[in-house]
């Protein structure tokens, strides 16, 4: 659950965390203010928790896949 290595990903554009009910705020907090990450999708199994995490981080939904 350590997402800290993603902080140093120089070209991270979108992150999809799917089917991850174990995610908690402290796991995601390390991604706040990532220099290249504009979009994040979180799938914890709880829409309320997903929306809360995205709002706290300030990221938009990634664009739909083509």
N, C-alpha and C. Protein backbone atom coordinates (compact mmCIF):
# COMPACT_ATOMS: atom_id res chain seq x y z
N UNK A 1 0.81 -1.20 0.00
CA UNK A 1 0.00 0.00 0.00
C UNK A 1 0.85 1.26 0.00
N UNK A 2 2.13 1.12 -0.15
CA UNK A 2 3.00 2.30 -0.19
C UNK A 2 3.03 2.86 -1.60
N UNK A 3 2.38 3.99 -1.79
CA UNK A 3 2.35 4.64 -3.10
C UNK A 3 3.45 5.69 -3.24
N UNK A 4 4.31 5.81 -2.26
CA UNK A 4 5.37 6.82 -2.26
C UNK A 4 6.24 6.76 -3.52
N UNK A 5 6.60 5.59 -4.06
CA UNK A 5 7.42 5.58 -5.28
C UNK A 5 6.78 6.32 -6.46
N UNK A 6 5.46 6.44 -6.47
CA UNK A 6 4.80 7.17 -7.55
C UNK A 6 5.11 8.66 -7.51
N UNK A 7 5.53 9.17 -6.36
CA UNK A 7 5.89 10.60 -6.25
C UNK A 7 7.02 10.95 -7.19
N UNK A 8 7.90 10.00 -7.48
CA UNK A 8 9.06 10.29 -8.32
C UNK A 8 8.86 9.85 -9.77
N UNK A 9 7.64 9.45 -10.15
CA UNK A 9 7.37 9.09 -11.54
C UNK A 9 7.30 10.37 -12.36
N UNK A 10 8.29 10.63 -13.20
CA UNK A 10 8.39 11.93 -13.87
C UNK A 10 7.35 12.20 -14.95
N UNK A 11 6.70 11.17 -15.47
CA UNK A 11 5.75 11.37 -16.56
C UNK A 11 4.39 10.76 -16.25
N UNK A 12 4.03 10.67 -14.99
CA UNK A 12 2.74 10.10 -14.60
C UNK A 12 1.62 11.05 -14.99
N UNK A 13 0.75 10.60 -15.90
CA UNK A 13 -0.32 11.47 -16.39
C UNK A 13 -1.67 11.13 -15.82
N UNK A 14 -1.96 9.86 -15.66
CA UNK A 14 -3.25 9.44 -15.11
C UNK A 14 -3.02 8.18 -14.29
N UNK A 15 -3.72 8.10 -13.19
CA UNK A 15 -3.58 6.95 -12.31
C UNK A 15 -4.96 6.38 -12.05
N UNK A 16 -5.11 5.09 -12.31
CA UNK A 16 -6.36 4.39 -12.07
C UNK A 16 -6.11 3.36 -10.97
N UNK A 17 -6.75 3.55 -9.84
CA UNK A 17 -6.65 2.61 -8.72
C UNK A 17 -8.00 1.91 -8.64
N UNK A 18 -8.09 0.72 -9.18
CA UNK A 18 -9.35 0.02 -9.39
C UNK A 18 -9.47 -1.18 -8.45
N UNK A 19 -10.67 -1.35 -7.90
CA UNK A 19 -10.97 -2.49 -7.03
C UNK A 19 -9.99 -2.57 -5.87
N UNK A 20 -9.87 -1.46 -5.14
CA UNK A 20 -8.92 -1.36 -4.03
C UNK A 20 -9.63 -0.89 -2.76
N UNK A 21 -10.48 -1.74 -2.18
CA UNK A 21 -11.21 -1.34 -0.98
C UNK A 21 -10.31 -1.08 0.23
N UNK A 22 -9.06 -1.55 0.17
CA UNK A 22 -8.14 -1.35 1.28
C UNK A 22 -7.54 0.06 1.32
N UNK A 23 -7.74 0.87 0.27
CA UNK A 23 -7.16 2.22 0.25
C UNK A 23 -7.75 3.10 1.33
N UNK A 24 -6.88 3.81 1.99
CA UNK A 24 -7.27 4.80 3.00
C UNK A 24 -6.60 6.12 2.64
N UNK A 25 -7.07 7.19 3.26
CA UNK A 25 -6.53 8.51 2.95
C UNK A 25 -5.02 8.56 3.12
N UNK A 26 -4.50 7.95 4.16
CA UNK A 26 -3.05 8.02 4.40
C UNK A 26 -2.24 7.36 3.28
N UNK A 27 -2.84 6.41 2.55
CA UNK A 27 -2.15 5.81 1.40
C UNK A 27 -2.07 6.80 0.24
N UNK A 28 -3.14 7.54 0.03
CA UNK A 28 -3.22 8.46 -1.11
C UNK A 28 -2.60 9.82 -0.86
N UNK A 29 -2.48 10.22 0.37
CA UNK A 29 -2.00 11.57 0.70
C UNK A 29 -0.64 11.86 0.07
N UNK A 30 0.18 10.84 -0.14
CA UNK A 30 1.51 11.05 -0.73
C UNK A 30 1.42 11.55 -2.17
N UNK A 31 0.25 11.40 -2.81
CA UNK A 31 0.09 11.84 -4.19
C UNK A 31 -0.36 13.29 -4.32
N UNK A 32 -0.61 13.93 -3.21
CA UNK A 32 -1.04 15.35 -3.25
C UNK A 32 0.05 16.19 -3.92
N UNK A 33 -0.37 17.05 -4.80
CA UNK A 33 0.53 17.97 -5.49
C UNK A 33 1.60 17.28 -6.32
N UNK A 34 1.26 16.13 -6.89
CA UNK A 34 2.21 15.46 -7.79
C UNK A 34 2.47 16.40 -8.96
N UNK A 35 3.72 16.57 -9.37
CA UNK A 35 4.05 17.58 -10.39
C UNK A 35 3.47 17.33 -11.78
N UNK A 36 3.17 16.08 -12.15
CA UNK A 36 2.68 15.83 -13.51
C UNK A 36 1.33 15.13 -13.56
N UNK A 37 0.73 14.82 -12.43
CA UNK A 37 -0.50 14.03 -12.39
C UNK A 37 -1.75 14.92 -12.42
N UNK A 38 -2.46 14.98 -13.57
CA UNK A 38 -3.67 15.79 -13.62
C UNK A 38 -4.96 15.00 -13.31
N UNK A 39 -4.90 13.66 -13.45
CA UNK A 39 -6.12 12.88 -13.29
C UNK A 39 -5.92 11.64 -12.45
N UNK A 40 -6.95 11.35 -11.63
CA UNK A 40 -6.89 10.20 -10.74
C UNK A 40 -8.27 9.57 -10.63
N UNK A 41 -8.34 8.27 -10.78
CA UNK A 41 -9.58 7.53 -10.55
C UNK A 41 -9.33 6.57 -9.40
N UNK A 42 -10.23 6.61 -8.43
CA UNK A 42 -10.10 5.77 -7.25
C UNK A 42 -11.32 4.86 -7.17
N UNK A 43 -11.06 3.57 -6.97
CA UNK A 43 -12.14 2.59 -6.86
C UNK A 43 -12.02 1.81 -5.56
N UNK A 44 -12.67 2.31 -4.52
CA UNK A 44 -12.59 1.66 -3.21
C UNK A 44 -13.81 0.80 -2.91
N UNK A 45 -14.82 0.91 -3.76
CA UNK A 45 -16.07 0.21 -3.49
C UNK A 45 -17.08 1.11 -2.80
N UNK A 46 -16.66 2.34 -2.48
CA UNK A 46 -17.54 3.32 -1.85
C UNK A 46 -17.47 4.62 -2.64
N UNK A 47 -18.56 4.98 -3.29
CA UNK A 47 -18.58 6.22 -4.07
C UNK A 47 -18.27 7.43 -3.19
N UNK A 48 -18.81 7.43 -1.97
CA UNK A 48 -18.58 8.54 -1.05
C UNK A 48 -17.09 8.67 -0.73
N UNK A 49 -16.44 7.54 -0.43
CA UNK A 49 -15.01 7.58 -0.12
C UNK A 49 -14.20 7.96 -1.35
N UNK A 50 -14.54 7.42 -2.52
CA UNK A 50 -13.85 7.77 -3.76
C UNK A 50 -13.91 9.28 -3.99
N UNK A 51 -15.11 9.85 -3.90
CA UNK A 51 -15.29 11.28 -4.13
C UNK A 51 -14.54 12.11 -3.09
N UNK A 52 -14.55 11.67 -1.85
CA UNK A 52 -13.84 12.38 -0.79
C UNK A 52 -12.34 12.40 -1.08
N UNK A 53 -11.78 11.27 -1.43
CA UNK A 53 -10.34 11.20 -1.69
C UNK A 53 -9.96 12.09 -2.87
N UNK A 54 -10.73 12.01 -3.96
CA UNK A 54 -10.42 12.84 -5.13
C UNK A 54 -10.53 14.32 -4.81
N UNK A 55 -11.55 14.70 -4.04
CA UNK A 55 -11.73 16.10 -3.67
C UNK A 55 -10.58 16.58 -2.79
N UNK A 56 -10.16 15.76 -1.85
CA UNK A 56 -9.06 16.14 -0.97
C UNK A 56 -7.75 16.29 -1.73
N UNK A 57 -7.57 15.47 -2.77
CA UNK A 57 -6.35 15.56 -3.57
C UNK A 57 -6.46 16.64 -4.65
N UNK A 58 -7.68 16.97 -5.06
CA UNK A 58 -7.87 18.02 -6.06
C UNK A 58 -7.69 17.56 -7.49
N UNK A 59 -7.83 16.27 -7.74
CA UNK A 59 -7.65 15.76 -9.09
C UNK A 59 -8.99 15.54 -9.77
N UNK A 60 -8.98 15.71 -11.09
CA UNK A 60 -10.15 15.41 -11.91
C UNK A 60 -10.14 13.94 -12.30
N UNK A 61 -11.27 13.48 -12.84
CA UNK A 61 -11.33 12.12 -13.39
C UNK A 61 -10.44 12.09 -14.63
N UNK A 62 -9.71 11.01 -14.85
CA UNK A 62 -8.96 10.88 -16.10
C UNK A 62 -9.92 10.82 -17.28
N UNK A 63 -9.46 11.18 -18.45
CA UNK A 63 -10.34 11.08 -19.62
C UNK A 63 -10.70 9.62 -19.90
N UNK A 64 -11.85 9.40 -20.52
CA UNK A 64 -12.24 8.01 -20.83
C UNK A 64 -11.26 7.38 -21.82
N UNK A 65 -11.10 6.08 -21.68
CA UNK A 65 -10.23 5.36 -22.62
C UNK A 65 -10.94 5.24 -23.94
N UNK A 66 -10.20 5.25 -25.00
CA UNK A 66 -10.79 5.14 -26.35
C UNK A 66 -10.82 3.73 -26.79
